Amino acid sequence: MPKETKRVEVAILTSDKIDFKRKTIRKDKEDHCIMIMGSIQQEDITIENIYAPNTGASRYIKQILLELKREIGPNTIIAGDINTQLSALDRCSRQIINKETPDLICITDQMDLK
C-alpha cells in the first residue's frame, strides 16, 4: 500500500477591521511559505508565514531567510511553525540540538531577526 503524503498549505488571515491593502502575494512551490506585502495606513508591511517540514527544518528556514534577505525590513513580521528550537528555553534538557541549528541561529543574528 503506498504511503500517504499530507499536503500542507499555510495561510495568513487579516481582520476586515484593519485597512490592509494587499500588493503582492508569493508562495514557495511546496506551499510551506507564504509572503504578503501590503500596507496599513500608508505604511508598508510584509508578513511571512512559514511552516517548516519536520525533517531538515533548520536547513529549510535558513534557505528561506537567505532568499528573502533583500525583502526583510523593519516592518516585516515572520511567523509560523519552524519546527526548530532556537534557544535553550524552547527545548527540554533531553532534546538534542540539531547540528544545523547553530548555523541557523548565526544567520538570524546576522540578519538581526529577534
Protein backbone atom coordinates (compact mmCIF):
# COMPACT_ATOMS: atom_id res chain seq x y z
CA MET A 1 0.00 0.00 0.00
CA PRO A 2 1.53 3.40 -0.95
CA LYS A 3 2.47 5.77 1.82
CA GLU A 4 0.01 8.62 2.11
CA THR A 5 1.54 12.08 1.90
CA LYS A 6 -0.09 15.03 3.56
CA ARG A 7 -0.33 18.30 1.72
CA VAL A 8 0.42 21.31 3.86
CA GLU A 9 -0.63 24.81 2.97
CA VAL A 10 -0.04 27.91 5.02
CA ALA A 11 -2.26 30.96 5.17
CA ILE A 12 -2.29 34.46 6.57
CA LEU A 13 -5.56 35.82 7.88
CA THR A 14 -6.18 39.52 8.31
CA SER A 15 -9.08 41.14 10.07
CA ASP A 16 -11.56 43.09 7.98
CA LYS A 17 -11.36 45.73 10.73
CA ILE A 18 -7.81 46.58 9.63
CA ASP A 19 -7.40 48.65 6.50
CA PHE A 20 -4.82 46.27 4.98
CA LYS A 21 -4.16 46.94 1.29
CA ARG A 22 -2.60 43.88 -0.32
CA LYS A 23 0.03 44.50 -3.00
CA THR A 24 1.78 41.18 -3.59
CA ILE A 25 1.35 37.54 -2.55
CA ARG A 26 4.09 34.96 -3.07
CA LYS A 27 4.26 31.28 -2.17
CA ASP A 28 7.03 28.74 -2.43
CA LYS A 29 6.49 25.75 -4.71
CA GLU A 30 5.80 23.38 -1.78
CA ASP A 31 3.21 25.75 -0.23
CA HIS A 32 5.17 25.77 3.05
CA CYS A 33 5.74 29.50 2.93
CA ILE A 34 3.59 32.49 2.01
CA MET A 35 4.51 36.15 1.95
CA ILE A 36 2.08 39.05 1.70
CA MET A 37 3.31 42.55 1.00
CA GLY A 38 0.93 45.42 1.55
CA SER A 39 0.25 48.50 3.60
CA ILE A 40 -1.67 49.60 6.65
CA GLN A 41 -2.40 53.34 6.85
CA GLN A 42 0.12 54.03 4.05
CA GLU A 43 2.87 52.14 5.97
CA ASP A 44 4.42 49.25 4.01
CA ILE A 45 4.36 45.90 5.80
CA THR A 46 5.48 42.40 4.89
CA ILE A 47 4.05 39.32 6.60
CA GLU A 48 5.79 35.98 6.16
CA ASN A 49 4.26 32.72 7.39
CA ILE A 50 6.49 29.65 7.32
CA TYR A 51 5.65 26.03 8.05
CA ALA A 52 8.94 24.16 8.11
CA PRO A 53 8.95 20.44 7.36
CA ASN A 54 9.59 18.15 10.35
CA THR A 55 12.88 16.95 8.87
CA GLY A 56 15.50 19.42 7.70
CA ALA A 57 13.69 22.36 9.30
CA SER A 58 16.84 24.35 10.11
CA ARG A 59 18.15 23.98 6.56
CA TYR A 60 14.76 24.94 5.09
CA ILE A 61 14.40 28.05 7.30
CA LYS A 62 17.96 29.15 6.51
CA GLN A 63 17.27 28.79 2.78
CA ILE A 64 14.01 30.78 3.00
CA LEU A 65 15.63 33.58 5.05
CA LEU A 66 18.57 33.89 2.67
CA GLU A 67 16.21 34.04 -0.32
CA LEU A 68 14.16 36.77 1.37
CA LYS A 69 17.11 38.72 2.79
CA ARG A 70 16.60 41.70 0.45
CA GLU A 71 12.91 41.92 1.30
CA ILE A 72 13.15 41.70 5.09
CA GLY A 73 12.91 45.15 6.61
CA PRO A 74 11.87 46.89 9.81
CA ASN A 75 8.18 46.30 9.05
CA THR A 76 8.50 42.57 8.41
CA ILE A 77 6.71 40.00 10.55
CA ILE A 78 7.90 36.39 10.29
CA ALA A 79 5.68 33.81 11.95
CA GLY A 80 4.78 30.18 11.67
CA ASP A 81 5.77 26.73 12.82
CA ILE A 82 9.50 26.42 12.25
CA ASN A 83 9.93 23.03 13.99
CA THR A 84 13.29 24.18 15.39
CA GLN A 85 14.34 25.13 18.90
CA LEU A 86 16.39 28.32 18.64
CA SER A 87 17.09 28.73 22.34
CA ALA A 88 17.52 26.60 25.44
CA LEU A 89 14.12 27.85 26.64
CA ASP A 90 12.47 26.18 23.64
CA ARG A 91 13.57 22.64 24.47
CA CYS A 92 13.65 20.25 27.37
CA SER A 93 17.00 19.15 28.77
CA ARG A 94 16.87 15.77 27.00
CA GLN A 95 16.45 17.16 23.49
CA ILE A 96 19.43 17.01 21.19
CA ILE A 97 20.36 20.17 19.33
CA ASN A 98 20.31 19.62 15.58
CA LYS A 99 23.78 20.20 14.11
CA GLU A 100 22.28 22.74 11.66
CA THR A 101 20.61 24.83 14.39
CA PRO A 102 23.72 26.84 15.41
CA ASP A 103 24.17 27.85 11.74
CA LEU A 104 20.53 28.99 11.60
CA ILE A 105 20.97 30.96 14.83
CA CYS A 106 24.03 32.64 13.31
CA ILE A 107 22.02 33.63 10.20
CA THR A 108 19.15 35.04 12.28
CA ASP A 109 21.66 37.01 14.36
CA GLN A 110 23.39 38.39 11.25
CA MET A 111 20.04 39.45 9.83
CA ASP A 112 19.10 40.95 13.21
CA LEU A 113 15.93 38.83 13.46
CA LYS A 114 14.68 38.56 17.02
